[in-house]
Amino acid sequence: MRAHWTYLRILRLSVRILYRLSLVTLPGTNKGIKVQVR
């Protein structure tokens, strides 16, 4: 059970880091993503 909790903690941390990274790089990569979608 402890391993499961630590796994959840790591997941939350990684999600937070990814969220901040996306917030920082979204304005620059949004155009690229739109081009890829089209």
PDB file of N, CA and C in Angstrom:
ATOM      1  N   MET A   1       0.836  -1.206   0.000  1.00  0.00           N
ATOM      2  CA  MET A   1       0.000   0.000   0.000  1.00  0.00           C
ATOM      3  C   MET A   1       0.876   1.264   0.000  1.00  0.00           C
ATOM      4  N   ARG A   2       1.984   1.209   0.726  1.00  0.00           N
ATOM      5  CA  ARG A   2       2.847   2.408   0.765  1.00  0.00           C
ATOM      6  C   ARG A   2       3.371   2.721  -0.626  1.00  0.00           C
ATOM      7  N   ALA A   3       3.759   1.672  -1.350  1.00  0.00           N
ATOM      8  CA  ALA A   3       4.273   1.890  -2.710  1.00  0.00           C
ATOM      9  C   ALA A   3       3.195   2.561  -3.560  1.00  0.00           C
ATOM     10  N   HIS A   4       1.949   2.133  -3.385  1.00  0.00           N
ATOM     11  CA  HIS A   4       0.851   2.723  -4.163  1.00  0.00           C
ATOM     12  C   HIS A   4       0.733   4.214  -3.859  1.00  0.00           C
ATOM     13  N   TRP A   5       0.806   4.564  -2.578  1.00  0.00           N
ATOM     14  CA  TRP A   5       0.678   5.979  -2.201  1.00  0.00           C
ATOM     15  C   TRP A   5       1.832   6.803  -2.770  1.00  0.00           C
ATOM     16  N   THR A   6       3.040   6.251  -2.690  1.00  0.00           N
ATOM     17  CA  THR A   6       4.191   6.990  -3.229  1.00  0.00           C
ATOM     18  C   THR A   6       4.027   7.156  -4.733  1.00  0.00           C
ATOM     19  N   TYR A   7       3.496   6.116  -5.383  1.00  0.00           N
ATOM     20  CA  TYR A   7       3.274   6.187  -6.832  1.00  0.00           C
ATOM     21  C   TYR A   7       2.289   7.314  -7.146  1.00  0.00           C
ATOM     22  N   LEU A   8       1.221   7.397  -6.357  1.00  0.00           N
ATOM     23  CA  LEU A   8       0.229   8.467  -6.571  1.00  0.00           C
ATOM     24  C   LEU A   8       0.878   9.832  -6.353  1.00  0.00           C
ATOM     25  N   ARG A   9       1.724   9.915  -5.346  1.00  0.00           N
ATOM     26  CA  ARG A   9       2.387  11.200  -5.060  1.00  0.00           C
ATOM     27  C   ARG A   9       3.260  11.612  -6.230  1.00  0.00           C
ATOM     28  N   ILE A  10       4.039  10.655  -6.753  1.00  0.00           N
ATOM     29  CA  ILE A  10       4.918  10.951  -7.895  1.00  0.00           C
ATOM     30  C   ILE A  10       4.074  11.369  -9.095  1.00  0.00           C
ATOM     31  N   LEU A  11       2.947  10.683  -9.293  1.00  0.00           N
ATOM     32  CA  LEU A  11       2.072  11.021 -10.423  1.00  0.00           C
ATOM     33  C   LEU A  11       1.587  12.461 -10.288  1.00  0.00           C
ATOM     34  N   ARG A  12       1.147  12.828  -9.096  1.00  0.00           N
ATOM     35  CA  ARG A  12       0.640  14.197  -8.895  1.00  0.00           C
ATOM     36  C   ARG A  12       1.740  15.218  -9.139  1.00  0.00           C
ATOM     37  N   LEU A  13       2.945  14.918  -8.645  1.00  0.00           N
ATOM     38  CA  LEU A  13       4.062  15.842  -8.831  1.00  0.00           C
ATOM     39  C   LEU A  13       4.367  16.014 -10.313  1.00  0.00           C
ATOM     40  N   SER A  14       4.428  14.898 -11.037  1.00  0.00           N
ATOM     41  CA  SER A  14       4.738  14.963 -12.470  1.00  0.00           C
ATOM     42  C   SER A  14       3.646  15.736 -13.205  1.00  0.00           C
ATOM     43  N   VAL A  15       2.398  15.522 -12.809  1.00  0.00           N
ATOM     44  CA  VAL A  15       1.289  16.249 -13.461  1.00  0.00           C
ATOM     45  C   VAL A  15       1.435  17.745 -13.218  1.00  0.00           C
ATOM     46  N   ARG A  16       1.791  18.101 -11.999  1.00  0.00           N
ATOM     47  CA  ARG A  16       1.957  19.532 -11.683  1.00  0.00           C
ATOM     48  C   ARG A  16       3.073  20.132 -12.514  1.00  0.00           C
ATOM     49  N   ILE A  17       4.204  19.424 -12.598  1.00  0.00           N
ATOM     50  CA  ILE A  17       5.345  19.934 -13.377  1.00  0.00           C
ATOM     51  C   ILE A  17       4.949  20.073 -14.844  1.00  0.00           C
ATOM     52  N   LEU A  18       4.252  19.051 -15.363  1.00  0.00           N
ATOM     53  CA  LEU A  18       3.833  19.104 -16.770  1.00  0.00           C
ATOM     54  C   LEU A  18       2.882  20.275 -16.992  1.00  0.00           C
ATOM     55  N   TYR A  19       1.983  20.503 -16.037  1.00  0.00           N
ATOM     56  CA  TYR A  19       1.022  21.602 -16.159  1.00  0.00           C
ATOM     57  C   TYR A  19       1.750  22.947 -16.221  1.00  0.00           C
ATOM     58  N   ARG A  20       2.724  23.116 -15.341  1.00  0.00           N
ATOM     59  CA  ARG A  20       3.471  24.390 -15.339  1.00  0.00           C
ATOM     60  C   ARG A  20       4.253  24.536 -16.631  1.00  0.00           C
ATOM     61  N   LEU A  21       4.878  23.447 -17.075  1.00  0.00           N
ATOM     62  CA  LEU A  21       5.655  23.506 -18.320  1.00  0.00           C
ATOM     63  C   LEU A  21       4.743  23.872 -19.480  1.00  0.00           C
ATOM     64  N   SER A  22       3.565  23.245 -19.540  1.00  0.00           N
ATOM     65  CA  SER A  22       2.630  23.530 -20.638  1.00  0.00           C
ATOM     66  C   SER A  22       2.186  24.989 -20.562  1.00  0.00           C
ATOM     67  N   LEU A  23       1.967  25.494 -19.347  1.00  0.00           N
ATOM     68  CA  LEU A  23       1.554  26.896 -19.195  1.00  0.00           C
ATOM     69  C   LEU A  23       2.643  27.822 -19.737  1.00  0.00           C
ATOM     70  N   VAL A  24       3.901  27.465 -19.486  1.00  0.00           N
ATOM     71  CA  VAL A  24       5.011  28.326 -19.918  1.00  0.00           C
ATOM     72  C   VAL A  24       5.214  28.232 -21.429  1.00  0.00           C
ATOM     73  N   THR A  25       5.076  27.012 -21.987  1.00  0.00           N
ATOM     74  CA  THR A  25       5.395  26.812 -23.406  1.00  0.00           C
ATOM     75  C   THR A  25       4.161  26.816 -24.297  1.00  0.00           C
ATOM     76  N   LEU A  26       2.971  26.975 -23.709  1.00  0.00           N
ATOM     77  CA  LEU A  26       1.747  26.924 -24.521  1.00  0.00           C
ATOM     78  C   LEU A  26       1.709  28.020 -25.587  1.00  0.00           C
ATOM     79  N   PRO A  27       1.969  29.281 -25.255  1.00  0.00           N
ATOM     80  CA  PRO A  27       1.883  30.336 -26.278  1.00  0.00           C
ATOM     81  C   PRO A  27       2.770  30.057 -27.481  1.00  0.00           C
ATOM     82  N   GLY A  28       3.934  29.454 -27.264  1.00  0.00           N
ATOM     83  CA  GLY A  28       4.858  29.209 -28.382  1.00  0.00           C
ATOM     84  C   GLY A  28       4.496  27.969 -29.178  1.00  0.00           C
ATOM     85  N   THR A  29       3.992  26.919 -28.504  1.00  0.00           N
ATOM     86  CA  THR A  29       3.741  25.651 -29.192  1.00  0.00           C
ATOM     87  C   THR A  29       2.299  25.538 -29.661  1.00  0.00           C
ATOM     88  N   ASN A  30       1.440  26.450 -29.246  1.00  0.00           N
ATOM     89  CA  ASN A  30       0.032  26.373 -29.645  1.00  0.00           C
ATOM     90  C   ASN A  30      -0.088  26.413 -31.160  1.00  0.00           C
ATOM     91  N   LYS A  31       0.653  27.301 -31.804  1.00  0.00           N
ATOM     92  CA  LYS A  31       0.600  27.401 -33.264  1.00  0.00           C
ATOM     93  C   LYS A  31       1.054  26.090 -33.893  1.00  0.00           C
ATOM     94  N   GLY A  32       2.148  25.517 -33.369  1.00  0.00           N
ATOM     95  CA  GLY A  32       2.649  24.251 -33.917  1.00  0.00           C
ATOM     96  C   GLY A  32       1.613  23.152 -33.765  1.00  0.00           C
ATOM     97  N   ILE A  33       0.950  23.100 -32.612  1.00  0.00           N
ATOM     98  CA  ILE A  33      -0.064  22.060 -32.385  1.00  0.00           C
ATOM     99  C   ILE A  33      -1.216  22.257 -33.364  1.00  0.00           C
ATOM    100  N   LYS A  34      -1.638  23.499 -33.561  1.00  0.00           N
ATOM    101  CA  LYS A  34      -2.743  23.772 -34.490  1.00  0.00           C
ATOM    102  C   LYS A  34      -2.360  23.306 -35.892  1.00  0.00           C
ATOM    103  N   VAL A  35      -1.132  23.578 -36.299  1.00  0.00           N
ATOM    104  CA  VAL A  35      -0.682  23.163 -37.633  1.00  0.00           C
ATOM    105  C   VAL A  35      -0.715  21.645 -37.729  1.00  0.00           C
ATOM    106  N   GLN A  36      -0.270  20.964 -36.661  1.00  0.00           N
ATOM    107  CA  GLN A  36      -0.253  19.498 -36.679  1.00  0.00           C
ATOM    108  C   GLN A  36      -1.670  18.955 -36.763  1.00  0.00           C
ATOM    109  N   VAL A  37      -2.597  19.550 -36.017  1.00  0.00           N
ATOM    110  CA  VAL A  37      -3.984  19.068 -36.024  1.00  0.00           C
ATOM    111  C   VAL A  37      -4.558  19.188 -37.427  1.00  0.00           C
ATOM    112  N   ARG A  38      -4.281  20.309 -38.102  1.00  0.00           N
ATOM    113  CA  ARG A  38      -4.805  20.486 -39.460  1.00  0.00           C
ATOM    114  C   ARG A  38      -4.019  19.602 -40.409  1.00  0.00           C
TER     115      ARG A  38
END
